[in-house]
Amino acid sequence: MGRLFGTDGVRGVANADLTAELALGLSVAAAHVLAEAGTFEGHRATAVVGRDPRASGEFLEAAVVAGLASAGVDVLRVGVLPTPAVAYLTGALGADLGVMLSASHNAMPDNGIKFFARGGHKLADELEDRIESTYEQHRTGAPWDRPTGSGVGRVSDYTEGFEKYVSHLIGVLPNRLDGLKIVLDEAHGAAAYVSPEAFARAGAEIVTIGAEPDGLNINDGCGSTHLGLLKAAVVEHGADFGIAHDGDADRCLAVDADGAEIDGDQILAVLALAMREAGQLRENTVVGTVMSNLGFKLAMEGEGIQVVQTGVGDRYVLESMKEHGYALGGEQSGHVIILDHATTGDGTLTGLLLAARVAATQKSLAELAGVMQRLPQVLINVPDVDKSRVSTSAELAAAVSDAERELGTTGRVLLRPSGTEPLVRVMVEAADIEQARAVAGRLADVVKSALG
């Protein structure tokens, strides 16, 4: 059997790949690994369980809760809340673990299970491997250690979770948002009620779209992966800007008053300058990934701010931040991590802090985001090649060296083997889009000939 855990929990088509049986079994295994104290040393282990509005989340939540309680863990059900809310509540309530049911920006038929350790932190690979190994051992015949009588877990609804999380968000803001008109696209997802409540309490005039989840419409033509509706709504309502989340609201993208997209790199740039001004940008450093636009790095260097780059994925950004004590990091996709106030990407928090910067400076979002200029970026996927030879092919190395000389300091080349498919991704940035396309096309041809 292949590894169950991917880059962000266990995901698949609900009731096909991700079944109730799998959800129950993984939850029991997670209880044994993450709540090892259990009831055996007089400690009642506790878990926080939340979900996004997908219809499949209803039966998967029931399976997760059953698994945890059967393993002797008391369960606090917080209902439909964003992923970062479940992470926050896991830490704030002193729970032994947290569980979020969501497939993030994926289409409605998918779902996923994400576990958090004590403190609301994402799991290290080692813990995921232990959970998977424990699950597999018992799936193939080893009996569970099952408590009985008063040893079984108790289940209750923690209805205070919504208010506790919103209060946390408001408490982080450095200033109010009075005078701003903001359109919020909630992707018919987990932040459909939390985000509007938080922005309204902070003083903003809000217009909401994508805020009527029915279990079937999550991410359907809206949210951070489909910005068309938000762009149109911002212009139609004469708003100052718009904010878009994905299904579990761990991402934030924006559009300015003219409907132009503001991506995660630009948001990071705005927040980096705000945090430096407030003395909060530790080590004068912001963490991005190898896919961060070169314009972001050039802009930060121009402002005297160091950029550290990691592999693609917010978990790698977070690992670097925690290891070195950095305060801010994120991805072009809108995963922004503000480690002093969140243990994972938090789209609502990011949007609020972006809005607070607009309100405090009295500058438009377009003007603030103008601190960096996005360089044209061309990405070509080259399929059916031996991706394992990307780093060893002399022919490819020579072609990359030639391309880098041609691009100079205002461009770059990145070749990335896919983690899941037999293909190589060729990414080229340049000041001129036609040059980027030409260089990318030539490199893609070399990848085919050298690795095909």
Protein backbone atom coordinates (compact mmCIF):
# COMPACT_ATOMS: atom_id res chain seq x y z
CA MET A 1 0.00 0.00 0.00
CA GLY A 2 1.25 3.51 -0.88
CA ARG A 3 1.73 6.20 1.75
CA LEU A 4 -1.65 7.48 2.92
CA PHE A 5 -0.43 10.88 4.06
CA GLY A 6 0.29 13.44 1.37
CA THR A 7 1.68 16.94 1.74
CA ASP A 8 -1.38 18.05 3.72
CA GLY A 9 -3.01 15.11 5.46
CA VAL A 10 -4.97 12.25 3.90
CA ARG A 11 -7.13 13.19 0.91
CA GLY A 12 -9.24 11.49 -1.70
CA VAL A 13 -12.72 11.12 -3.12
CA ALA A 14 -15.04 10.81 -0.13
CA ASN A 15 -16.67 7.40 0.23
CA ALA A 16 -14.38 5.97 -2.46
CA ASP A 17 -10.77 6.66 -1.45
CA LEU A 18 -11.57 8.24 1.90
CA THR A 19 -14.12 5.95 3.51
CA ALA A 20 -15.77 5.96 6.92
CA GLU A 21 -13.78 2.85 7.81
CA LEU A 22 -10.49 4.55 6.94
CA ALA A 23 -11.46 7.69 8.85
CA LEU A 24 -12.37 5.66 11.93
CA GLY A 25 -9.22 3.55 11.81
CA LEU A 26 -6.89 6.52 11.30
CA SER A 27 -8.55 8.34 14.18
CA VAL A 28 -8.00 5.43 16.55
CA ALA A 29 -4.38 5.22 15.39
CA ALA A 30 -3.93 8.98 15.85
CA ALA A 31 -5.36 8.71 19.35
CA HIS A 32 -2.80 6.05 20.25
CA VAL A 33 0.09 8.07 18.79
CA LEU A 34 -0.86 11.66 19.68
CA ALA A 35 -2.68 11.08 22.98
CA GLU A 36 -0.46 8.37 24.40
CA ALA A 37 -1.17 9.41 28.00
CA GLY A 38 -4.84 8.54 27.38
CA THR A 39 -6.73 7.35 30.44
CA PHE A 40 -3.99 4.97 31.51
CA GLU A 41 -2.16 7.51 33.66
CA GLY A 42 -5.28 9.22 34.95
CA HIS A 43 -5.22 11.81 32.17
CA ARG A 44 -8.33 12.21 30.02
CA ALA A 45 -7.03 12.94 26.57
CA THR A 46 -9.03 15.50 24.58
CA ALA A 47 -9.43 16.15 20.86
CA VAL A 48 -10.91 19.11 18.96
CA VAL A 49 -12.76 18.06 15.79
CA GLY A 50 -13.94 20.49 13.09
CA ARG A 51 -14.89 20.34 9.43
CA ASP A 52 -15.72 22.38 6.35
CA PRO A 53 -19.32 22.33 5.00
CA ARG A 54 -18.92 19.45 2.50
CA ALA A 55 -21.78 16.97 2.67
CA SER A 56 -19.31 14.11 3.11
CA GLY A 57 -17.91 15.84 6.17
CA GLU A 58 -21.02 14.86 8.06
CA PHE A 59 -20.45 11.11 7.92
CA LEU A 60 -16.67 11.42 8.09
CA GLU A 61 -16.96 13.55 11.22
CA ALA A 62 -19.14 10.86 12.77
CA ALA A 63 -16.52 8.22 11.95
CA VAL A 64 -13.65 10.32 13.36
CA VAL A 65 -15.55 11.08 16.55
CA ALA A 66 -16.45 7.41 16.98
CA GLY A 67 -12.84 6.36 16.51
CA LEU A 68 -11.47 8.87 18.98
CA ALA A 69 -14.10 8.18 21.64
CA SER A 70 -13.63 4.42 21.27
CA ALA A 71 -9.94 4.95 22.00
CA GLY A 72 -10.74 6.77 25.25
CA VAL A 73 -10.41 10.34 23.98
CA ASP A 74 -12.92 13.01 24.97
CA VAL A 75 -14.09 14.88 21.88
CA LEU A 76 -15.01 18.55 21.53
CA ARG A 77 -16.95 19.01 18.28
CA VAL A 78 -16.59 22.59 17.06
CA GLY A 79 -18.64 22.13 13.87
CA VAL A 80 -17.97 24.08 10.67
CA LEU A 81 -14.90 26.25 11.22
CA PRO A 82 -11.74 27.02 9.22
CA THR A 83 -8.66 24.82 9.48
CA PRO A 84 -6.71 27.55 11.32
CA ALA A 85 -9.56 27.84 13.82
CA VAL A 86 -9.29 24.14 14.67
CA ALA A 87 -5.51 24.53 15.01
CA TYR A 88 -5.95 27.58 17.23
CA LEU A 89 -8.57 25.92 19.45
CA THR A 90 -6.45 22.79 19.80
CA GLY A 91 -3.74 24.93 21.34
CA ALA A 92 -5.96 27.36 23.24
CA LEU A 93 -7.98 24.58 24.90
CA GLY A 94 -4.92 22.49 25.77
CA ALA A 95 -6.19 19.55 23.72
CA ASP A 96 -3.96 16.59 22.97
CA LEU A 97 -4.80 16.62 19.27
CA GLY A 98 -6.99 18.27 16.69
CA VAL A 99 -8.70 16.88 13.60
CA MET A 100 -9.91 18.88 10.59
CA LEU A 101 -12.06 17.36 7.87
CA SER A 102 -11.51 19.26 4.64
CA ALA A 103 -10.02 18.97 1.16
CA SER A 104 -9.17 22.69 1.12
CA HIS A 105 -9.49 24.11 -2.42
CA ASN A 106 -10.40 20.74 -4.00
CA ALA A 107 -13.78 20.15 -5.61
CA MET A 108 -16.73 19.04 -3.48
CA PRO A 109 -16.50 15.24 -4.07
CA ASP A 110 -13.08 15.18 -2.35
CA ASN A 111 -12.47 15.34 1.36
CA GLY A 112 -9.53 14.96 3.70
CA ILE A 113 -8.36 14.40 7.25
CA LYS A 114 -5.72 16.61 8.78
CA PHE A 115 -4.34 15.98 12.27
CA PHE A 116 -2.80 18.53 14.62
CA ALA A 117 -0.54 17.73 17.56
CA ARG A 118 -0.63 19.43 20.96
CA GLY A 119 -0.42 23.18 20.58
CA GLY A 120 -2.20 23.05 17.23
CA HIS A 121 0.91 22.23 15.20
CA LYS A 122 1.03 20.29 11.95
CA LEU A 123 2.50 16.82 12.25
CA ALA A 124 6.09 16.03 11.40
CA ASP A 125 6.62 13.24 8.88
CA GLU A 126 7.71 10.95 11.71
CA LEU A 127 4.38 11.30 13.51
CA GLU A 128 2.41 10.75 10.31
CA ASP A 129 4.45 7.61 9.65
CA ARG A 130 3.75 6.34 13.18
CA ILE A 131 0.01 6.91 12.75
CA GLU A 132 0.01 5.17 9.39
CA SER A 133 2.08 2.26 10.72
CA THR A 134 -0.21 1.87 13.74
CA TYR A 135 -3.28 1.95 11.51
CA GLU A 136 -1.82 -0.66 9.15
CA GLN A 137 -0.80 -3.01 11.97
CA HIS A 138 -4.33 -3.09 13.34
CA ARG A 139 -5.96 -3.19 9.91
CA THR A 140 -4.09 -6.42 9.26
CA GLY A 141 -5.10 -8.13 12.48
CA ALA A 142 -3.39 -6.77 15.60
CA PRO A 143 -6.11 -5.98 18.19
CA TRP A 144 -6.67 -2.47 19.53
CA ASP A 145 -6.35 -1.79 23.24
CA ARG A 146 -9.99 -0.80 23.81
CA PRO A 147 -11.17 0.93 27.01
CA THR A 148 -14.55 -0.01 28.44
CA GLY A 149 -17.00 1.42 30.92
CA SER A 150 -15.98 4.85 32.16
CA GLY A 151 -12.80 4.60 30.09
CA VAL A 152 -14.50 5.38 26.79
CA GLY A 153 -14.35 8.95 25.53
CA ARG A 154 -17.21 11.40 25.97
CA VAL A 155 -18.47 13.58 23.11
CA SER A 156 -19.75 17.16 23.46
CA ASP A 157 -20.37 20.15 21.21
CA TYR A 158 -18.06 23.09 21.92
CA THR A 159 -20.28 25.89 20.65
CA GLU A 160 -18.00 28.55 22.12
CA GLY A 161 -15.37 27.81 19.48
CA PHE A 162 -16.74 30.34 16.98
CA GLU A 163 -16.67 33.23 19.45
CA LYS A 164 -13.30 32.25 20.92
CA TYR A 165 -11.69 32.20 17.47
CA VAL A 166 -13.26 35.46 16.26
CA SER A 167 -12.19 37.19 19.48
CA HIS A 168 -8.67 35.91 18.91
CA LEU A 169 -8.63 37.38 15.39
CA ILE A 170 -9.91 40.78 16.54
CA GLY A 171 -7.38 40.82 19.37
CA VAL A 172 -4.50 40.51 16.91
CA LEU A 173 -5.44 43.59 14.86
CA PRO A 174 -3.20 46.64 15.40
CA ASN A 175 -5.97 49.06 14.35
CA ARG A 176 -9.61 49.11 13.24
CA LEU A 177 -10.91 48.96 9.67
CA ASP A 178 -13.44 51.80 9.83
CA GLY A 179 -14.00 53.50 6.49
CA LEU A 180 -13.07 50.50 4.35
CA LYS A 181 -15.53 48.77 2.03
CA ILE A 182 -14.43 45.19 1.40
CA VAL A 183 -15.92 42.35 -0.66
CA LEU A 184 -15.37 38.91 0.89
CA ASP A 185 -15.55 35.72 -1.20
CA GLU A 186 -15.89 32.83 1.22
CA ALA A 187 -15.89 30.01 -1.40
CA HIS A 188 -19.09 28.64 0.20
CA GLY A 189 -16.63 27.17 2.66
CA ALA A 190 -15.58 26.97 6.27
CA ALA A 191 -15.14 30.73 6.78
CA ALA A 192 -18.59 31.67 5.45
CA TYR A 193 -19.69 32.95 8.87
CA VAL A 194 -16.41 33.54 10.73
CA SER A 195 -14.78 35.87 8.21
CA PRO A 196 -17.73 38.28 7.69
CA GLU A 197 -18.23 38.44 11.46
CA ALA A 198 -14.58 39.29 12.09
CA PHE A 199 -14.34 41.97 9.38
CA ALA A 200 -17.63 43.55 10.48
CA ARG A 201 -16.59 43.65 14.14
CA ALA A 202 -13.33 45.29 13.09
CA GLY A 203 -15.33 48.16 11.57
CA ALA A 204 -15.31 47.39 7.84
CA GLU A 205 -18.34 47.73 5.59
CA ILE A 206 -18.58 44.31 3.97
CA VAL A 207 -20.21 42.75 0.94
CA THR A 208 -20.20 38.95 0.91
CA ILE A 209 -20.31 36.49 -1.96
CA GLY A 210 -19.83 32.74 -1.78
CA ALA A 211 -21.17 32.77 1.77
CA GLU A 212 -24.12 30.40 1.44
CA PRO A 213 -22.69 26.90 1.86
CA ASP A 214 -25.14 24.06 1.22
CA GLY A 215 -22.69 21.16 1.43
CA LEU A 216 -22.46 20.83 -2.35
CA ASN A 217 -21.27 24.21 -3.62
CA ILE A 218 -17.90 24.59 -1.87
CA ASN A 219 -15.23 26.07 -4.21
CA ASP A 220 -17.72 25.91 -7.09
CA GLY A 221 -16.61 28.74 -9.40
CA CYS A 222 -15.70 30.96 -6.46
CA GLY A 223 -13.05 31.50 -3.82
CA SER A 224 -9.30 31.86 -4.15
CA THR A 225 -9.04 29.50 -7.13
CA HIS A 226 -11.74 31.32 -9.15
CA LEU A 227 -11.32 35.07 -8.70
CA GLY A 228 -13.62 36.21 -11.53
CA LEU A 229 -16.71 36.74 -9.36
CA LEU A 230 -14.72 38.66 -6.75
CA LYS A 231 -13.12 40.94 -9.34
CA ALA A 232 -16.52 41.77 -10.80
CA ALA A 233 -18.11 42.33 -7.37
CA VAL A 234 -15.36 44.71 -6.21
CA VAL A 235 -15.80 46.88 -9.28
CA GLU A 236 -19.63 46.67 -9.15
CA HIS A 237 -19.82 47.74 -5.51
CA GLY A 238 -17.06 50.35 -5.70
CA ALA A 239 -15.19 48.56 -2.93
CA ASP A 240 -11.69 49.41 -1.77
CA PHE A 241 -10.60 45.83 -2.42
CA GLY A 242 -11.69 42.20 -2.14
CA ILE A 243 -10.51 39.17 -0.18
CA ALA A 244 -10.88 35.54 -1.30
CA HIS A 245 -10.49 32.38 0.76
CA ASP A 246 -10.46 28.72 -0.21
CA GLY A 247 -12.72 25.99 1.18
CA ASP A 248 -10.99 25.65 4.55
CA ALA A 249 -9.82 29.28 4.69
CA ASP A 250 -6.13 28.69 5.21
CA ARG A 251 -5.45 30.82 2.10
CA CYS A 252 -5.99 34.46 1.26
CA LEU A 253 -5.75 36.19 -2.11
CA ALA A 254 -6.95 39.70 -2.89
CA VAL A 255 -8.01 42.00 -5.72
CA ASP A 256 -7.57 45.77 -5.73
CA ALA A 257 -10.22 48.42 -6.42
CA ASP A 258 -9.80 47.95 -10.18
CA GLY A 259 -10.16 44.18 -9.96
CA ALA A 260 -6.46 43.41 -10.45
CA GLU A 261 -5.24 40.30 -8.64
CA ILE A 262 -2.97 40.61 -5.59
CA ASP A 263 -1.24 37.26 -5.06
CA GLY A 264 0.41 35.71 -2.04
CA ASP A 265 3.84 37.13 -2.84
CA GLN A 266 2.46 40.67 -2.93
CA ILE A 267 0.53 40.13 0.30
CA LEU A 268 3.72 38.84 1.94
CA ALA A 269 5.59 41.94 0.75
CA VAL A 270 2.98 44.29 2.23
CA LEU A 271 2.89 42.45 5.56
CA ALA A 272 6.70 42.18 5.74
CA LEU A 273 7.04 45.96 5.59
CA ALA A 274 4.23 46.43 8.12
CA MET A 275 5.77 43.95 10.54
CA ARG A 276 9.25 45.45 10.17
CA GLU A 277 7.82 48.88 10.93
CA ALA A 278 6.20 47.44 14.07
CA GLY A 279 9.41 45.66 15.13
CA GLN A 280 7.83 42.23 14.61
CA LEU A 281 9.83 40.91 11.63
CA ARG A 282 12.33 38.78 13.50
CA GLU A 283 15.79 38.47 11.96
CA ASN A 284 14.56 40.96 9.33
CA THR A 285 13.62 37.88 7.29
CA VAL A 286 10.60 36.56 5.41
CA VAL A 287 10.29 32.95 4.21
CA GLY A 288 9.06 32.06 0.73
CA THR A 289 9.43 29.06 -1.58
CA VAL A 290 11.41 28.37 -4.73
CA MET A 291 8.24 29.28 -6.65
CA SER A 292 8.05 32.77 -5.13
CA ASN A 293 8.19 35.34 -7.90
CA LEU A 294 11.64 36.79 -8.46
CA GLY A 295 10.02 40.21 -8.25
CA PHE A 296 9.23 39.47 -4.60
CA LYS A 297 12.84 38.64 -3.79
CA LEU A 298 14.14 41.70 -5.64
CA ALA A 299 11.65 43.97 -3.86
CA MET A 300 12.51 42.62 -0.42
CA GLU A 301 16.23 42.89 -1.08
CA GLY A 302 15.65 46.48 -2.20
CA GLU A 303 14.01 47.13 1.17
CA GLY A 304 16.85 45.47 3.05
CA ILE A 305 14.80 42.40 3.99
CA GLN A 306 16.29 38.93 3.62
CA VAL A 307 14.30 36.22 1.80
CA VAL A 308 14.77 32.55 2.72
CA GLN A 309 13.40 30.08 0.16
CA THR A 310 12.17 26.54 0.87
CA GLY A 311 10.67 23.72 -1.15
CA VAL A 312 7.11 24.15 -2.41
CA GLY A 313 4.48 23.61 0.28
CA ASP A 314 3.44 25.59 3.33
CA ARG A 315 4.65 22.81 5.62
CA TYR A 316 8.24 23.47 4.47
CA VAL A 317 7.78 27.19 4.97
CA LEU A 318 6.54 26.50 8.49
CA GLU A 319 9.40 24.12 9.26
CA SER A 320 11.94 26.80 8.31
CA MET A 321 10.14 29.43 10.36
CA LYS A 322 10.00 27.26 13.46
CA GLU A 323 13.60 26.09 13.13
CA HIS A 324 15.05 29.59 12.82
CA GLY A 325 12.50 31.66 14.72
CA TYR A 326 11.20 33.66 11.77
CA ALA A 327 7.85 35.43 12.14
CA LEU A 328 6.47 35.60 8.59
CA GLY A 329 6.37 33.27 5.63
CA GLY A 330 4.13 32.03 2.87
CA GLU A 331 3.45 31.02 -0.69
CA GLN A 332 2.34 32.65 -3.91
CA SER A 333 -0.90 30.64 -3.60
CA GLY A 334 -1.96 32.66 -0.56
CA HIS A 335 -0.83 30.46 2.32
CA VAL A 336 0.53 33.10 4.70
CA ILE A 337 1.82 32.12 8.14
CA ILE A 338 2.14 34.73 10.89
CA LEU A 339 3.74 32.57 13.54
CA ASP A 340 3.18 34.89 16.49
CA HIS A 341 -0.58 34.50 16.07
CA ALA A 342 -1.17 31.23 14.19
CA THR A 343 0.41 27.79 13.86
CA THR A 344 -0.70 27.38 10.25
CA GLY A 345 -1.77 29.50 7.30
CA ASP A 346 -4.81 31.58 8.28
CA GLY A 347 -6.68 33.27 5.44
CA THR A 348 -8.98 35.34 7.63
CA LEU A 349 -6.13 36.60 9.80
CA THR A 350 -4.08 37.43 6.70
CA GLY A 351 -6.97 39.35 5.16
CA LEU A 352 -7.60 41.29 8.35
CA LEU A 353 -3.96 42.30 8.71
CA LEU A 354 -3.80 43.31 5.05
CA ALA A 355 -6.91 45.46 5.56
CA ALA A 356 -5.42 46.92 8.74
CA ARG A 357 -2.36 48.04 6.77
CA VAL A 358 -4.58 49.74 4.17
CA ALA A 359 -6.52 51.51 6.94
CA ALA A 360 -3.41 52.55 8.86
CA THR A 361 -1.52 53.96 5.89
CA GLN A 362 -4.55 55.41 4.06
CA LYS A 363 -2.98 54.04 0.88
CA SER A 364 -4.81 51.93 -1.67
CA LEU A 365 -4.09 48.23 -1.82
CA ALA A 366 -2.72 48.71 -5.33
CA GLU A 367 -0.25 51.31 -4.05
CA LEU A 368 0.88 49.11 -1.18
CA ALA A 369 1.23 46.03 -3.39
CA GLY A 370 3.23 48.14 -5.85
CA VAL A 371 6.25 47.69 -3.59
CA MET A 372 6.97 44.68 -5.81
CA GLN A 373 6.56 44.12 -9.52
CA ARG A 374 5.69 40.58 -10.53
CA LEU A 375 7.98 39.35 -13.27
CA PRO A 376 6.30 37.32 -16.04
CA GLN A 377 6.41 33.64 -15.12
CA VAL A 378 6.03 30.82 -17.65
CA LEU A 379 5.47 27.22 -16.52
CA ILE A 380 5.63 24.23 -18.89
CA ASN A 381 5.00 20.64 -17.76
CA VAL A 382 7.05 18.12 -19.73
CA PRO A 383 5.46 14.65 -19.35
CA ASP A 384 6.74 11.10 -19.88
CA VAL A 385 10.39 11.77 -19.04
CA ASP A 386 12.83 10.28 -16.53
CA LYS A 387 12.50 12.92 -13.84
CA SER A 388 15.14 11.20 -11.68
CA ARG A 389 17.89 12.44 -14.05
CA VAL A 390 17.07 16.16 -13.78
CA SER A 391 20.04 16.81 -11.52
CA THR A 392 22.52 14.54 -13.33
CA SER A 393 22.01 15.29 -17.03
CA ALA A 394 25.01 17.20 -18.42
CA GLU A 395 23.02 18.25 -21.51
CA LEU A 396 20.29 19.74 -19.34
CA ALA A 397 22.78 21.46 -17.02
CA ALA A 398 24.43 23.13 -20.01
CA ALA A 399 21.07 24.32 -21.36
CA VAL A 400 20.10 25.77 -17.97
CA SER A 401 23.46 27.53 -17.68
CA ASP A 402 22.99 29.10 -21.11
CA ALA A 403 19.46 30.23 -20.20
CA GLU A 404 20.62 31.78 -16.92
CA ARG A 405 23.33 33.74 -18.73
CA GLU A 406 20.77 35.03 -21.20
CA LEU A 407 18.34 36.09 -18.46
CA GLY A 408 20.95 37.75 -16.24
CA THR A 409 19.96 39.14 -12.85
CA THR A 410 16.36 39.96 -13.84
CA GLY A 411 15.33 36.40 -14.62
CA ARG A 412 15.72 32.85 -13.42
CA VAL A 413 15.16 29.20 -14.32
CA LEU A 414 13.73 26.45 -12.12
CA LEU A 415 13.38 22.78 -13.06
CA ARG A 416 11.26 20.71 -10.66
CA PRO A 417 10.53 16.98 -10.91
CA SER A 418 6.89 16.33 -10.03
CA GLY A 419 6.37 14.56 -6.75
CA THR A 420 3.51 12.43 -8.04
CA GLU A 421 3.76 12.21 -11.86
CA PRO A 422 6.43 11.26 -14.44
CA LEU A 423 6.97 14.83 -15.53
CA VAL A 424 9.33 17.76 -15.07
CA ARG A 425 8.10 21.32 -14.52
CA VAL A 426 10.05 24.01 -16.36
CA MET A 427 9.58 27.49 -14.89
CA VAL A 428 11.18 30.61 -16.35
CA GLU A 429 10.89 34.20 -15.15
CA ALA A 430 12.04 37.22 -17.11
CA ALA A 431 11.36 40.92 -17.32
CA ASP A 432 9.83 40.33 -20.76
CA ILE A 433 7.06 37.73 -21.21
CA GLU A 434 8.13 36.85 -24.77
CA GLN A 435 11.67 36.16 -23.60
CA ALA A 436 10.32 33.99 -20.77
CA ARG A 437 8.19 31.99 -23.22
CA ALA A 438 11.06 31.53 -25.66
CA VAL A 439 13.52 30.37 -23.00
CA ALA A 440 10.97 28.05 -21.39
CA GLY A 441 10.11 26.52 -24.75
CA ARG A 442 13.76 25.82 -25.56
CA LEU A 443 14.37 24.29 -22.14
CA ALA A 444 11.26 22.11 -22.43
CA ASP A 445 12.62 20.77 -25.73
CA VAL A 446 15.96 19.94 -24.08
CA VAL A 447 14.17 18.17 -21.21
CA LYS A 448 12.32 16.01 -23.76
CA SER A 449 15.46 15.13 -25.68
CA ALA A 450 17.73 14.64 -22.68
CA LEU A 451 15.34 12.81 -20.35
CA GLY A 452 12.83 11.23 -22.76
